[in-house]
Amino acid sequence: MIFLKIISAVLGTAFTLFGYFIYFRKKYSLINGFDADMKAGLKDESYAKRVGLAEFIIGIIILVTSIILVIFA
């Protein structure tokens, strides 16, 4: 059970940080192949913002879940 708590905390932190850097700091290079697709006109900035926001929200959910696991389990 301790292993699950550690893994979920690390994953939650990673997703939250990547989402933060993509959505708020506009580090679109963290999205695999985004720069090339943007130059080719396949993807735009709104796609990157959606990806960043999704990662940020998922990261917060996983992080809160891991905190709840630490407290109650």
N, C-alpha and C. Protein backbone atom coordinates (compact mmCIF):
# COMPACT_ATOMS: atom_id res chain seq x y z
N MET A 1 0.82 -1.19 0.00
CA MET A 1 0.00 0.00 0.00
C MET A 1 0.87 1.26 0.00
N ILE A 2 2.01 1.19 0.64
CA ILE A 2 2.91 2.34 0.67
C ILE A 2 3.41 2.65 -0.74
N PHE A 3 3.66 1.59 -1.51
CA PHE A 3 4.12 1.76 -2.88
C PHE A 3 3.07 2.50 -3.71
N LEU A 4 1.80 2.17 -3.53
CA LEU A 4 0.72 2.83 -4.25
C LEU A 4 0.64 4.31 -3.87
N LYS A 5 0.82 4.62 -2.61
CA LYS A 5 0.79 6.01 -2.15
C LYS A 5 1.93 6.82 -2.77
N ILE A 6 3.11 6.23 -2.80
CA ILE A 6 4.28 6.93 -3.37
C ILE A 6 4.10 7.16 -4.87
N ILE A 7 3.68 6.11 -5.58
CA ILE A 7 3.49 6.21 -7.03
C ILE A 7 2.42 7.24 -7.37
N SER A 8 1.30 7.23 -6.64
CA SER A 8 0.24 8.19 -6.95
C SER A 8 0.67 9.62 -6.63
N ALA A 9 1.45 9.81 -5.57
CA ALA A 9 1.94 11.16 -5.26
C ALA A 9 2.91 11.66 -6.32
N VAL A 10 3.79 10.79 -6.78
CA VAL A 10 4.75 11.18 -7.82
C VAL A 10 4.04 11.47 -9.14
N LEU A 11 3.09 10.62 -9.52
CA LEU A 11 2.34 10.85 -10.76
C LEU A 11 1.52 12.13 -10.68
N GLY A 12 0.86 12.35 -9.56
CA GLY A 12 0.08 13.56 -9.39
C GLY A 12 0.94 14.81 -9.48
N THR A 13 2.10 14.77 -8.86
CA THR A 13 3.02 15.90 -8.92
C THR A 13 3.53 16.12 -10.35
N ALA A 14 3.87 15.05 -11.03
CA ALA A 14 4.37 15.17 -12.41
C ALA A 14 3.31 15.74 -13.34
N PHE A 15 2.10 15.20 -13.28
CA PHE A 15 1.03 15.70 -14.14
C PHE A 15 0.72 17.16 -13.83
N THR A 16 0.68 17.51 -12.56
CA THR A 16 0.39 18.89 -12.18
C THR A 16 1.48 19.83 -12.69
N LEU A 17 2.73 19.45 -12.54
CA LEU A 17 3.83 20.32 -13.01
C LEU A 17 3.83 20.47 -14.52
N PHE A 18 3.65 19.34 -15.24
CA PHE A 18 3.63 19.43 -16.70
C PHE A 18 2.44 20.27 -17.17
N GLY A 19 1.28 20.07 -16.56
CA GLY A 19 0.12 20.87 -16.91
C GLY A 19 0.33 22.34 -16.62
N TYR A 20 0.96 22.64 -15.49
CA TYR A 20 1.25 24.03 -15.13
C TYR A 20 2.19 24.66 -16.15
N PHE A 21 3.26 23.96 -16.49
CA PHE A 21 4.23 24.53 -17.43
C PHE A 21 3.62 24.70 -18.81
N ILE A 22 2.77 23.79 -19.25
CA ILE A 22 2.17 23.91 -20.57
C ILE A 22 1.10 25.00 -20.58
N TYR A 23 0.20 24.98 -19.60
CA TYR A 23 -0.95 25.88 -19.63
C TYR A 23 -0.59 27.31 -19.22
N PHE A 24 0.13 27.46 -18.13
CA PHE A 24 0.40 28.80 -17.61
C PHE A 24 1.69 29.41 -18.14
N ARG A 25 2.75 28.61 -18.28
CA ARG A 25 4.05 29.11 -18.73
C ARG A 25 4.26 29.00 -20.24
N LYS A 26 3.31 28.39 -20.94
CA LYS A 26 3.34 28.26 -22.40
C LYS A 26 4.60 27.55 -22.92
N LYS A 27 4.98 26.48 -22.23
CA LYS A 27 6.12 25.66 -22.68
C LYS A 27 5.56 24.54 -23.56
N TYR A 28 5.18 24.90 -24.78
CA TYR A 28 4.53 23.96 -25.67
C TYR A 28 5.48 22.88 -26.17
N SER A 29 6.75 23.07 -25.98
CA SER A 29 7.72 22.06 -26.41
C SER A 29 7.61 20.78 -25.57
N LEU A 30 6.91 20.84 -24.43
CA LEU A 30 6.72 19.65 -23.61
C LEU A 30 5.73 18.67 -24.24
N ILE A 31 4.94 19.15 -25.19
CA ILE A 31 4.01 18.29 -25.92
C ILE A 31 4.78 17.66 -27.08
N ASN A 32 4.76 16.36 -27.14
CA ASN A 32 5.55 15.63 -28.13
C ASN A 32 5.12 15.98 -29.56
N GLY A 33 6.04 16.52 -30.33
CA GLY A 33 5.81 16.81 -31.74
C GLY A 33 4.94 18.03 -32.00
N PHE A 34 4.68 18.83 -30.98
CA PHE A 34 3.78 19.96 -31.17
C PHE A 34 4.38 21.05 -32.06
N ASP A 35 5.65 21.32 -31.88
CA ASP A 35 6.29 22.39 -32.67
C ASP A 35 6.22 22.09 -34.16
N ALA A 36 6.49 20.87 -34.54
CA ALA A 36 6.43 20.50 -35.96
C ALA A 36 5.00 20.55 -36.48
N ASP A 37 4.05 20.08 -35.67
CA ASP A 37 2.65 20.12 -36.10
C ASP A 37 2.13 21.54 -36.18
N MET A 38 2.60 22.41 -35.32
CA MET A 38 2.17 23.81 -35.36
C MET A 38 2.72 24.50 -36.61
N LYS A 39 3.96 24.21 -36.96
CA LYS A 39 4.55 24.80 -38.16
C LYS A 39 3.84 24.29 -39.42
N ALA A 40 3.38 23.03 -39.37
CA ALA A 40 2.68 22.45 -40.51
C ALA A 40 1.22 22.88 -40.56
N GLY A 41 0.75 23.55 -39.50
CA GLY A 41 -0.63 24.01 -39.48
C GLY A 41 -1.63 22.98 -39.01
N LEU A 42 -1.16 21.88 -38.45
CA LEU A 42 -2.07 20.83 -38.00
C LEU A 42 -2.68 21.12 -36.63
N LYS A 43 -1.92 21.79 -35.77
CA LYS A 43 -2.39 22.09 -34.42
C LYS A 43 -2.11 23.56 -34.12
N ASP A 44 -2.91 24.11 -33.21
CA ASP A 44 -2.72 25.51 -32.85
C ASP A 44 -2.59 25.65 -31.34
N GLU A 45 -2.51 26.90 -30.88
CA GLU A 45 -2.28 27.17 -29.47
C GLU A 45 -3.43 26.70 -28.59
N SER A 46 -4.65 26.72 -29.11
CA SER A 46 -5.79 26.28 -28.31
C SER A 46 -5.69 24.79 -27.98
N TYR A 47 -5.13 24.01 -28.90
CA TYR A 47 -4.92 22.58 -28.63
C TYR A 47 -3.95 22.40 -27.47
N ALA A 48 -2.87 23.16 -27.49
CA ALA A 48 -1.87 23.07 -26.42
C ALA A 48 -2.46 23.49 -25.08
N LYS A 49 -3.30 24.52 -25.08
CA LYS A 49 -3.93 24.96 -23.84
C LYS A 49 -4.88 23.88 -23.30
N ARG A 50 -5.62 23.21 -24.19
CA ARG A 50 -6.51 22.13 -23.74
C ARG A 50 -5.72 20.98 -23.15
N VAL A 51 -4.62 20.62 -23.78
CA VAL A 51 -3.78 19.54 -23.27
C VAL A 51 -3.19 19.93 -21.91
N GLY A 52 -2.70 21.14 -21.79
CA GLY A 52 -2.13 21.61 -20.53
C GLY A 52 -3.15 21.64 -19.41
N LEU A 53 -4.35 22.12 -19.71
CA LEU A 53 -5.40 22.18 -18.70
C LEU A 53 -5.84 20.79 -18.28
N ALA A 54 -5.95 19.88 -19.24
CA ALA A 54 -6.33 18.50 -18.92
C ALA A 54 -5.29 17.84 -18.02
N GLU A 55 -4.02 18.01 -18.33
CA GLU A 55 -2.97 17.44 -17.50
C GLU A 55 -2.96 18.06 -16.11
N PHE A 56 -3.19 19.36 -16.04
CA PHE A 56 -3.20 20.05 -14.76
C PHE A 56 -4.34 19.54 -13.87
N ILE A 57 -5.52 19.40 -14.43
CA ILE A 57 -6.68 18.93 -13.66
C ILE A 57 -6.49 17.48 -13.24
N ILE A 58 -6.04 16.63 -14.15
CA ILE A 58 -5.80 15.23 -13.82
C ILE A 58 -4.74 15.11 -12.73
N GLY A 59 -3.70 15.92 -12.81
CA GLY A 59 -2.65 15.91 -11.80
C GLY A 59 -3.16 16.30 -10.43
N ILE A 60 -4.02 17.32 -10.38
CA ILE A 60 -4.58 17.73 -9.10
C ILE A 60 -5.47 16.63 -8.53
N ILE A 61 -6.26 16.00 -9.37
CA ILE A 61 -7.13 14.91 -8.90
C ILE A 61 -6.30 13.76 -8.34
N ILE A 62 -5.26 13.36 -9.04
CA ILE A 62 -4.41 12.26 -8.56
C ILE A 62 -3.69 12.66 -7.28
N LEU A 63 -3.23 13.89 -7.20
CA LEU A 63 -2.53 14.37 -6.00
C LEU A 63 -3.46 14.41 -4.79
N VAL A 64 -4.67 14.89 -4.97
CA VAL A 64 -5.63 14.92 -3.88
C VAL A 64 -6.00 13.51 -3.44
N THR A 65 -6.14 12.62 -4.41
CA THR A 65 -6.42 11.22 -4.09
C THR A 65 -5.29 10.59 -3.29
N SER A 66 -4.07 10.89 -3.64
CA SER A 66 -2.93 10.34 -2.89
C SER A 66 -2.87 10.90 -1.48
N ILE A 67 -3.21 12.17 -1.33
CA ILE A 67 -3.25 12.76 0.02
C ILE A 67 -4.34 12.10 0.86
N ILE A 68 -5.48 11.85 0.26
CA ILE A 68 -6.56 11.16 0.96
C ILE A 68 -6.14 9.74 1.35
N LEU A 69 -5.41 9.06 0.46
CA LEU A 69 -4.91 7.73 0.77
C LEU A 69 -3.95 7.76 1.96
N VAL A 70 -3.10 8.76 2.00
CA VAL A 70 -2.14 8.87 3.11
C VAL A 70 -2.87 9.12 4.43
N ILE A 71 -3.90 9.94 4.38
CA ILE A 71 -4.61 10.29 5.62
C ILE A 71 -5.48 9.13 6.11
N PHE A 72 -6.23 8.50 5.23
CA PHE A 72 -7.23 7.53 5.67
C PHE A 72 -6.82 6.06 5.54
N ALA A 73 -5.76 5.78 4.82
CA ALA A 73 -5.41 4.35 4.65
C ALA A 73 -4.12 4.02 5.36
